[in-house]
Amino acid sequence: MKLFTKGSRVSQANYGAGTVASSDERYTVIEFDNHGRRVFITDMVMLGKTDEPAPNKPAKGRRKKAVVAAPAPEPVEVEEEA
């Protein structure tokens, strides 16, 4: 059983290249380039080290604040003089 450190680049047969998010005696969590985050049982997963660099992920922009619509004004009653 080989433990990989956080940030190591690895390759797995079904999912391809990815980056180790965490690893301990029980579980290894890998953030794959094309398949998202997957959790493996450390004793059962077959990983190989890769020199393939991680792809550049676009920076997440800040969300715009939601615009709250103002309530419609209430009608005003006008009294007419007779």
PDB file of N, CA and C in Angstrom:
ATOM      1  N   MET A   1       0.853  -1.172   0.000  1.00  0.00           N
ATOM      2  CA  MET A   1       0.000   0.000   0.000  1.00  0.00           C
ATOM      3  C   MET A   1       0.900   1.237   0.000  1.00  0.00           C
ATOM      4  N   LYS A   2       0.707   2.083  -0.994  1.00  0.00           N
ATOM      5  CA  LYS A   2       1.502   3.298  -1.095  1.00  0.00           C
ATOM      6  C   LYS A   2       0.583   4.493  -0.873  1.00  0.00           C
ATOM      7  N   LEU A   3       0.938   5.335   0.093  1.00  0.00           N
ATOM      8  CA  LEU A   3       0.166   6.545   0.349  1.00  0.00           C
ATOM      9  C   LEU A   3       0.764   7.695  -0.453  1.00  0.00           C
ATOM     10  N   PHE A   4      -0.095   8.429  -1.137  1.00  0.00           N
ATOM     11  CA  PHE A   4       0.333   9.601  -1.874  1.00  0.00           C
ATOM     12  C   PHE A   4       0.028  10.843  -1.050  1.00  0.00           C
ATOM     13  N   THR A   5       0.865  11.847  -1.168  1.00  0.00           N
ATOM     14  CA  THR A   5       0.652  13.079  -0.413  1.00  0.00           C
ATOM     15  C   THR A   5      -0.343  13.977  -1.139  1.00  0.00           C
ATOM     16  N   LYS A   6      -0.954  14.864  -0.390  1.00  0.00           N
ATOM     17  CA  LYS A   6      -1.909  15.808  -0.947  1.00  0.00           C
ATOM     18  C   LYS A   6      -1.225  16.642  -2.028  1.00  0.00           C
ATOM     19  N   GLY A   7      -1.880  16.761  -3.179  1.00  0.00           N
ATOM     20  CA  GLY A   7      -1.324  17.529  -4.283  1.00  0.00           C
ATOM     21  C   GLY A   7      -0.540  16.703  -5.284  1.00  0.00           C
ATOM     22  N   SER A   8      -0.301  15.418  -4.990  1.00  0.00           N
ATOM     23  CA  SER A   8       0.422  14.557  -5.924  1.00  0.00           C
ATOM     24  C   SER A   8      -0.429  14.306  -7.161  1.00  0.00           C
ATOM     25  N   ARG A   9       0.216  14.247  -8.307  1.00  0.00           N
ATOM     26  CA  ARG A   9      -0.476  13.918  -9.549  1.00  0.00           C
ATOM     27  C   ARG A   9      -0.397  12.412  -9.761  1.00  0.00           C
ATOM     28  N   VAL A  10      -1.550  11.779  -9.975  1.00  0.00           N
ATOM     29  CA  VAL A  10      -1.614  10.334 -10.149  1.00  0.00           C
ATOM     30  C   VAL A  10      -2.481  10.004 -11.358  1.00  0.00           C
ATOM     31  N   SER A  11      -2.420   8.738 -11.764  1.00  0.00           N
ATOM     32  CA  SER A  11      -3.229   8.252 -12.866  1.00  0.00           C
ATOM     33  C   SER A  11      -3.916   6.960 -12.429  1.00  0.00           C
ATOM     34  N   GLN A  12      -5.182   6.794 -12.811  1.00  0.00           N
ATOM     35  CA  GLN A  12      -5.956   5.604 -12.480  1.00  0.00           C
ATOM     36  C   GLN A  12      -6.531   5.071 -13.791  1.00  0.00           C
ATOM     37  N   ALA A  13      -6.623   3.762 -13.949  1.00  0.00           N
ATOM     38  CA  ALA A  13      -6.999   3.140 -15.218  1.00  0.00           C
ATOM     39  C   ALA A  13      -8.342   3.623 -15.774  1.00  0.00           C
ATOM     40  N   ASN A  14      -9.373   3.746 -14.952  1.00  0.00           N
ATOM     41  CA  ASN A  14     -10.701   4.122 -15.443  1.00  0.00           C
ATOM     42  C   ASN A  14     -10.911   5.621 -15.582  1.00  0.00           C
ATOM     43  N   TYR A  15     -10.295   6.408 -14.731  1.00  0.00           N
ATOM     44  CA  TYR A  15     -10.580   7.837 -14.679  1.00  0.00           C
ATOM     45  C   TYR A  15      -9.478   8.727 -15.232  1.00  0.00           C
ATOM     46  N   GLY A  16      -8.296   8.197 -15.469  1.00  0.00           N
ATOM     47  CA  GLY A  16      -7.208   8.986 -16.024  1.00  0.00           C
ATOM     48  C   GLY A  16      -6.448   9.755 -14.958  1.00  0.00           C
ATOM     49  N   ALA A  17      -5.943  10.931 -15.346  1.00  0.00           N
ATOM     50  CA  ALA A  17      -5.094  11.727 -14.464  1.00  0.00           C
ATOM     51  C   ALA A  17      -5.922  12.534 -13.470  1.00  0.00           C
ATOM     52  N   GLY A  18      -5.331  12.739 -12.283  1.00  0.00           N
ATOM     53  CA  GLY A  18      -5.995  13.520 -11.250  1.00  0.00           C
ATOM     54  C   GLY A  18      -5.015  13.949 -10.176  1.00  0.00           C
ATOM     55  N   THR A  19      -5.522  14.739  -9.239  1.00  0.00           N
ATOM     56  CA  THR A  19      -4.719  15.259  -8.140  1.00  0.00           C
ATOM     57  C   THR A  19      -5.255  14.720  -6.827  1.00  0.00           C
ATOM     58  N   VAL A  20      -4.365  14.221  -5.975  1.00  0.00           N
ATOM     59  CA  VAL A  20      -4.768  13.663  -4.683  1.00  0.00           C
ATOM     60  C   VAL A  20      -5.237  14.806  -3.784  1.00  0.00           C
ATOM     61  N   ALA A  21      -6.479  14.721  -3.318  1.00  0.00           N
ATOM     62  CA  ALA A  21      -7.036  15.727  -2.402  1.00  0.00           C
ATOM     63  C   ALA A  21      -6.719  15.350  -0.957  1.00  0.00           C
ATOM     64  N   SER A  22      -6.772  14.049  -0.635  1.00  0.00           N
ATOM     65  CA  SER A  22      -6.391  13.570   0.694  1.00  0.00           C
ATOM     66  C   SER A  22      -6.143  12.072   0.604  1.00  0.00           C
ATOM     67  N   SER A  23      -5.341  11.568   1.550  1.00  0.00           N
ATOM     68  CA  SER A  23      -5.030  10.149   1.560  1.00  0.00           C
ATOM     69  C   SER A  23      -4.667   9.730   2.976  1.00  0.00           C
ATOM     70  N   ASP A  24      -5.253   8.617   3.428  1.00  0.00           N
ATOM     71  CA  ASP A  24      -4.885   8.031   4.716  1.00  0.00           C
ATOM     72  C   ASP A  24      -4.947   6.514   4.583  1.00  0.00           C
ATOM     73  N   GLU A  25      -4.865   5.790   5.693  1.00  0.00           N
ATOM     74  CA  GLU A  25      -4.840   4.336   5.645  1.00  0.00           C
ATOM     75  C   GLU A  25      -6.134   3.741   5.096  1.00  0.00           C
ATOM     76  N   ARG A  26      -7.241   4.457   5.219  1.00  0.00           N
ATOM     77  CA  ARG A  26      -8.540   3.936   4.790  1.00  0.00           C
ATOM     78  C   ARG A  26      -8.945   4.402   3.406  1.00  0.00           C
ATOM     79  N   TYR A  27      -8.929   5.711   3.179  1.00  0.00           N
ATOM     80  CA  TYR A  27      -9.464   6.266   1.945  1.00  0.00           C
ATOM     81  C   TYR A  27      -8.471   7.181   1.244  1.00  0.00           C
ATOM     82  N   THR A  28      -8.573   7.198  -0.083  1.00  0.00           N
ATOM     83  CA  THR A  28      -7.822   8.127  -0.903  1.00  0.00           C
ATOM     84  C   THR A  28      -8.829   8.895  -1.749  1.00  0.00           C
ATOM     85  N   VAL A  29      -8.789  10.204  -1.659  1.00  0.00           N
ATOM     86  CA  VAL A  29      -9.710  11.062  -2.406  1.00  0.00           C
ATOM     87  C   VAL A  29      -8.919  11.739  -3.516  1.00  0.00           C
ATOM     88  N   ILE A  30      -9.419  11.578  -4.746  1.00  0.00           N
ATOM     89  CA  ILE A  30      -8.726  12.127  -5.910  1.00  0.00           C
ATOM     90  C   ILE A  30      -9.680  13.028  -6.680  1.00  0.00           C
ATOM     91  N   GLU A  31      -9.203  14.200  -7.073  1.00  0.00           N
ATOM     92  CA  GLU A  31      -9.941  15.148  -7.905  1.00  0.00           C
ATOM     93  C   GLU A  31      -9.445  14.936  -9.340  1.00  0.00           C
ATOM     94  N   PHE A  32     -10.233  14.186 -10.139  1.00  0.00           N
ATOM     95  CA  PHE A  32      -9.831  13.870 -11.500  1.00  0.00           C
ATOM     96  C   PHE A  32     -10.073  15.042 -12.434  1.00  0.00           C
ATOM     97  N   ASP A  33      -9.219  15.141 -13.460  1.00  0.00           N
ATOM     98  CA  ASP A  33      -9.302  16.253 -14.404  1.00  0.00           C
ATOM     99  C   ASP A  33     -10.626  16.267 -15.160  1.00  0.00           C
ATOM    100  N   ASN A  34     -11.111  15.091 -15.557  1.00  0.00           N
ATOM    101  CA  ASN A  34     -12.318  15.029 -16.388  1.00  0.00           C
ATOM    102  C   ASN A  34     -13.502  14.327 -15.727  1.00  0.00           C
ATOM    103  N   HIS A  35     -13.334  13.834 -14.511  1.00  0.00           N
ATOM    104  CA  HIS A  35     -14.404  13.049 -13.890  1.00  0.00           C
ATOM    105  C   HIS A  35     -14.776  13.504 -12.491  1.00  0.00           C
ATOM    106  N   GLY A  36     -14.254  14.617 -12.026  1.00  0.00           N
ATOM    107  CA  GLY A  36     -14.613  15.121 -10.713  1.00  0.00           C
ATOM    108  C   GLY A  36     -13.953  14.357  -9.576  1.00  0.00           C
ATOM    109  N   ARG A  37     -14.508  14.516  -8.380  1.00  0.00           N
ATOM    110  CA  ARG A  37     -13.944  13.933  -7.160  1.00  0.00           C
ATOM    111  C   ARG A  37     -14.445  12.509  -6.970  1.00  0.00           C
ATOM    112  N   ARG A  38     -13.498  11.607  -6.676  1.00  0.00           N
ATOM    113  CA  ARG A  38     -13.829  10.206  -6.408  1.00  0.00           C
ATOM    114  C   ARG A  38     -13.107   9.756  -5.147  1.00  0.00           C
ATOM    115  N   VAL A  39     -13.750   8.866  -4.383  1.00  0.00           N
ATOM    116  CA  VAL A  39     -13.176   8.334  -3.143  1.00  0.00           C
ATOM    117  C   VAL A  39     -12.906   6.848  -3.346  1.00  0.00           C
ATOM    118  N   PHE A  40     -11.698   6.418  -3.014  1.00  0.00           N
ATOM    119  CA  PHE A  40     -11.287   5.030  -3.170  1.00  0.00           C
ATOM    120  C   PHE A  40     -10.847   4.465  -1.828  1.00  0.00           C
ATOM    121  N   ILE A  41     -10.991   3.152  -1.668  1.00  0.00           N
ATOM    122  CA  ILE A  41     -10.417   2.471  -0.521  1.00  0.00           C
ATOM    123  C   ILE A  41      -8.928   2.331  -0.817  1.00  0.00           C
ATOM    124  N   THR A  42      -8.088   2.855   0.055  1.00  0.00           N
ATOM    125  CA  THR A  42      -6.658   2.949  -0.198  1.00  0.00           C
ATOM    126  C   THR A  42      -6.024   1.597  -0.528  1.00  0.00           C
ATOM    127  N   ASP A  43      -6.405   0.540   0.189  1.00  0.00           N
ATOM    128  CA  ASP A  43      -5.810  -0.780  -0.051  1.00  0.00           C
ATOM    129  C   ASP A  43      -6.178  -1.352  -1.422  1.00  0.00           C
ATOM    130  N   MET A  44      -7.289  -0.916  -2.016  1.00  0.00           N
ATOM    131  CA  MET A  44      -7.788  -1.532  -3.238  1.00  0.00           C
ATOM    132  C   MET A  44      -7.497  -0.740  -4.514  1.00  0.00           C
ATOM    133  N   VAL A  45      -7.174   0.525  -4.402  1.00  0.00           N
ATOM    134  CA  VAL A  45      -6.990   1.345  -5.597  1.00  0.00           C
ATOM    135  C   VAL A  45      -5.589   1.162  -6.176  1.00  0.00           C
ATOM    136  N   MET A  46      -5.529   1.072  -7.497  1.00  0.00           N
ATOM    137  CA  MET A  46      -4.252   0.944  -8.201  1.00  0.00           C
ATOM    138  C   MET A  46      -3.958   2.293  -8.861  1.00  0.00           C
ATOM    139  N   LEU A  47      -2.950   2.977  -8.347  1.00  0.00           N
ATOM    140  CA  LEU A  47      -2.591   4.295  -8.855  1.00  0.00           C
ATOM    141  C   LEU A  47      -1.157   4.288  -9.349  1.00  0.00           C
ATOM    142  N   GLY A  48      -0.912   5.108 -10.332  1.00  0.00           N
ATOM    143  CA  GLY A  48       0.444   5.305 -10.814  1.00  0.00           C
ATOM    144  C   GLY A  48       0.757   6.786 -10.783  1.00  0.00           C
ATOM    145  N   LYS A  49       2.017   7.114 -10.596  1.00  0.00           N
ATOM    146  CA  LYS A  49       2.431   8.507 -10.572  1.00  0.00           C
ATOM    147  C   LYS A  49       2.482   9.016 -12.009  1.00  0.00           C
ATOM    148  N   THR A  50       2.079  10.261 -12.235  1.00  0.00           N
ATOM    149  CA  THR A  50       2.114  10.842 -13.572  1.00  0.00           C
ATOM    150  C   THR A  50       2.766  12.214 -13.521  1.00  0.00           C
ATOM    151  N   ASP A  51       3.396  12.580 -14.612  1.00  0.00           N
ATOM    152  CA  ASP A  51       4.015  13.900 -14.727  1.00  0.00           C
ATOM    153  C   ASP A  51       3.129  14.859 -15.513  1.00  0.00           C
ATOM    154  N   GLU A  52       1.942  14.385 -15.901  1.00  0.00           N
ATOM    155  CA  GLU A  52       1.012  15.224 -16.651  1.00  0.00           C
ATOM    156  C   GLU A  52       0.540  16.367 -15.755  1.00  0.00           C
ATOM    157  N   PRO A  53       0.717  17.617 -16.196  1.00  0.00           N
ATOM    158  CA  PRO A  53       0.317  18.747 -15.344  1.00  0.00           C
ATOM    159  C   PRO A  53      -1.203  18.867 -15.236  1.00  0.00           C
ATOM    160  N   ALA A  54      -1.643  19.438 -14.146  1.00  0.00           N
ATOM    161  CA  ALA A  54      -3.073  19.661 -13.943  1.00  0.00           C
ATOM    162  C   ALA A  54      -3.554  20.737 -14.911  1.00  0.00           C
ATOM    163  N   PRO A  55      -4.763  20.595 -15.447  1.00  0.00           N
ATOM    164  CA  PRO A  55      -5.279  21.615 -16.358  1.00  0.00           C
ATOM    165  C   PRO A  55      -5.590  22.903 -15.598  1.00  0.00           C
ATOM    166  N   ASN A  56      -5.518  24.011 -16.299  1.00  0.00           N
ATOM    167  CA  ASN A  56      -5.865  25.296 -15.688  1.00  0.00           C
ATOM    168  C   ASN A  56      -7.373  25.390 -15.592  1.00  0.00           C
ATOM    169  N   LYS A  57      -7.862  25.590 -14.391  1.00  0.00           N
ATOM    170  CA  LYS A  57      -9.294  25.745 -14.198  1.00  0.00           C
ATOM    171  C   LYS A  57      -9.618  27.229 -14.198  1.00  0.00           C
ATOM    172  N   PRO A  58     -10.707  27.617 -14.850  1.00  0.00           N
ATOM    173  CA  PRO A  58     -11.047  29.037 -14.867  1.00  0.00           C
ATOM    174  C   PRO A  58     -11.365  29.539 -13.464  1.00  0.00           C
ATOM    175  N   ALA A  59     -10.945  30.763 -13.197  1.00  0.00           N
ATOM    176  CA  ALA A  59     -11.220  31.352 -11.884  1.00  0.00           C
ATOM    177  C   ALA A  59     -12.714  31.604 -11.766  1.00  0.00           C
ATOM    178  N   LYS A  60     -13.234  31.292 -10.611  1.00  0.00           N
ATOM    179  CA  LYS A  60     -14.661  31.516 -10.387  1.00  0.00           C
ATOM    180  C   LYS A  60     -14.880  32.983 -10.079  1.00  0.00           C
ATOM    181  N   GLY A  61     -15.792  33.578 -10.818  1.00  0.00           N
ATOM    182  CA  GLY A  61     -16.109  34.986 -10.585  1.00  0.00           C
ATOM    183  C   GLY A  61     -17.099  35.127  -9.446  1.00  0.00           C
ATOM    184  N   ARG A  62     -17.186  36.303  -8.938  1.00  0.00           N
ATOM    185  CA  ARG A  62     -18.145  36.555  -7.862  1.00  0.00           C
ATOM    186  C   ARG A  62     -19.532  36.689  -8.459  1.00  0.00           C
ATOM    187  N   ARG A  63     -20.492  36.156  -7.748  1.00  0.00           N
ATOM    188  CA  ARG A  63     -21.870  36.274  -8.203  1.00  0.00           C
ATOM    189  C   ARG A  63     -22.377  37.667  -7.934  1.00  0.00           C
ATOM    190  N   LYS A  64     -23.206  38.134  -8.840  1.00  0.00           N
ATOM    191  CA  LYS A  64     -23.802  39.454  -8.651  1.00  0.00           C
ATOM    192  C   LYS A  64     -24.897  39.365  -7.608  1.00  0.00           C
ATOM    193  N   LYS A  65     -25.063  40.441  -6.893  1.00  0.00           N
ATOM    194  CA  LYS A  65     -26.091  40.497  -5.866  1.00  0.00           C
ATOM    195  C   LYS A  65     -27.453  40.518  -6.536  1.00  0.00           C
ATOM    196  N   ALA A  66     -28.379  39.776  -5.996  1.00  0.00           N
ATOM    197  CA  ALA A  66     -29.722  39.708  -6.560  1.00  0.00           C
ATOM    198  C   ALA A  66     -30.424  41.048  -6.400  1.00  0.00           C
ATOM    199  N   VAL A  67     -31.130  41.430  -7.453  1.00  0.00           N
ATOM    200  CA  VAL A  67     -31.876  42.690  -7.418  1.00  0.00           C
ATOM    201  C   VAL A  67     -33.277  42.375  -6.920  1.00  0.00           C
ATOM    202  N   VAL A  68     -33.679  43.051  -5.857  1.00  0.00           N
ATOM    203  CA  VAL A  68     -34.998  42.841  -5.287  1.00  0.00           C
ATOM    204  C   VAL A  68     -35.929  43.887  -5.879  1.00  0.00           C
ATOM    205  N   ALA A  69     -37.017  43.415  -6.475  1.00  0.00           N
ATOM    206  CA  ALA A  69     -37.973  44.333  -7.086  1.00  0.00           C
ATOM    207  C   ALA A  69     -38.700  45.114  -5.998  1.00  0.00           C
ATOM    208  N   ALA A  70     -38.853  46.405  -6.229  1.00  0.00           N
ATOM    209  CA  ALA A  70     -39.556  47.253  -5.265  1.00  0.00           C
ATOM    210  C   ALA A  70     -41.051  46.951  -5.340  1.00  0.00           C
ATOM    211  N   PRO A  71     -41.760  46.975  -4.208  1.00  0.00           N
ATOM    212  CA  PRO A  71     -43.202  46.716  -4.254  1.00  0.00           C
ATOM    213  C   PRO A  71     -43.913  47.837  -5.010  1.00  0.00           C
ATOM    214  N   ALA A  72     -45.010  47.482  -5.684  1.00  0.00           N
ATOM    215  CA  ALA A  72     -45.780  48.466  -6.441  1.00  0.00           C
ATOM    216  C   ALA A  72     -46.418  49.457  -5.465  1.00  0.00           C
ATOM    217  N   PRO A  73     -46.445  50.743  -5.835  1.00  0.00           N
ATOM    218  CA  PRO A  73     -47.060  51.730  -4.938  1.00  0.00           C
ATOM    219  C   PRO A  73     -48.559  51.489  -4.822  1.00  0.00           C
ATOM    220  N   GLU A  74     -49.097  51.773  -3.635  1.00  0.00           N
ATOM    221  CA  GLU A  74     -50.521  51.589  -3.416  1.00  0.00           C
ATOM    222  C   GLU A  74     -51.271  52.772  -4.033  1.00  0.00           C
ATOM    223  N   PRO A  75     -52.453  52.510  -4.613  1.00  0.00           N
ATOM    224  CA  PRO A  75     -53.209  53.611  -5.234  1.00  0.00           C
ATOM    225  C   PRO A  75     -53.670  54.610  -4.159  1.00  0.00           C
ATOM    226  N   VAL A  76     -53.628  55.860  -4.521  1.00  0.00           N
ATOM    227  CA  VAL A  76     -54.032  56.925  -3.612  1.00  0.00           C
ATOM    228  C   VAL A  76     -55.423  57.399  -4.018  1.00  0.00           C
ATOM    229  N   GLU A  77     -56.331  57.479  -3.035  1.00  0.00           N
ATOM    230  CA  GLU A  77     -57.692  57.930  -3.336  1.00  0.00           C
ATOM    231  C   GLU A  77     -57.742  59.448  -3.256  1.00  0.00           C
ATOM    232  N   VAL A  78     -58.291  60.019  -4.291  1.00  0.00           N
ATOM    233  CA  VAL A  78     -58.413  61.470  -4.334  1.00  0.00           C
ATOM    234  C   VAL A  78     -59.872  61.829  -4.153  1.00  0.00           C
ATOM    235  N   GLU A  79     -60.182  62.720  -3.186  1.00  0.00           N
ATOM    236  CA  GLU A  79     -61.557  63.148  -2.949  1.00  0.00           C
ATOM    237  C   GLU A  79     -61.835  64.387  -3.779  1.00  0.00           C
ATOM    238  N   GLU A  80     -62.932  64.350  -4.514  1.00  0.00           N
ATOM    239  CA  GLU A  80     -63.313  65.488  -5.326  1.00  0.00           C
ATOM    240  C   GLU A  80     -64.312  66.358  -4.546  1.00  0.00           C
ATOM    241  N   GLU A  81     -64.173  67.664  -4.703  1.00  0.00           N
ATOM    242  CA  GLU A  81     -65.116  68.576  -4.043  1.00  0.00           C
ATOM    243  C   GLU A  81     -66.323  68.781  -4.926  1.00  0.00           C
ATOM    244  N   ALA A  82     -67.483  68.860  -4.353  1.00  0.00           N
ATOM    245  CA  ALA A  82     -68.716  69.025  -5.140  1.00  0.00           C
ATOM    246  C   ALA A  82     -69.193  70.437  -5.141  1.00  0.00           C
TER     247      ALA A  82
END
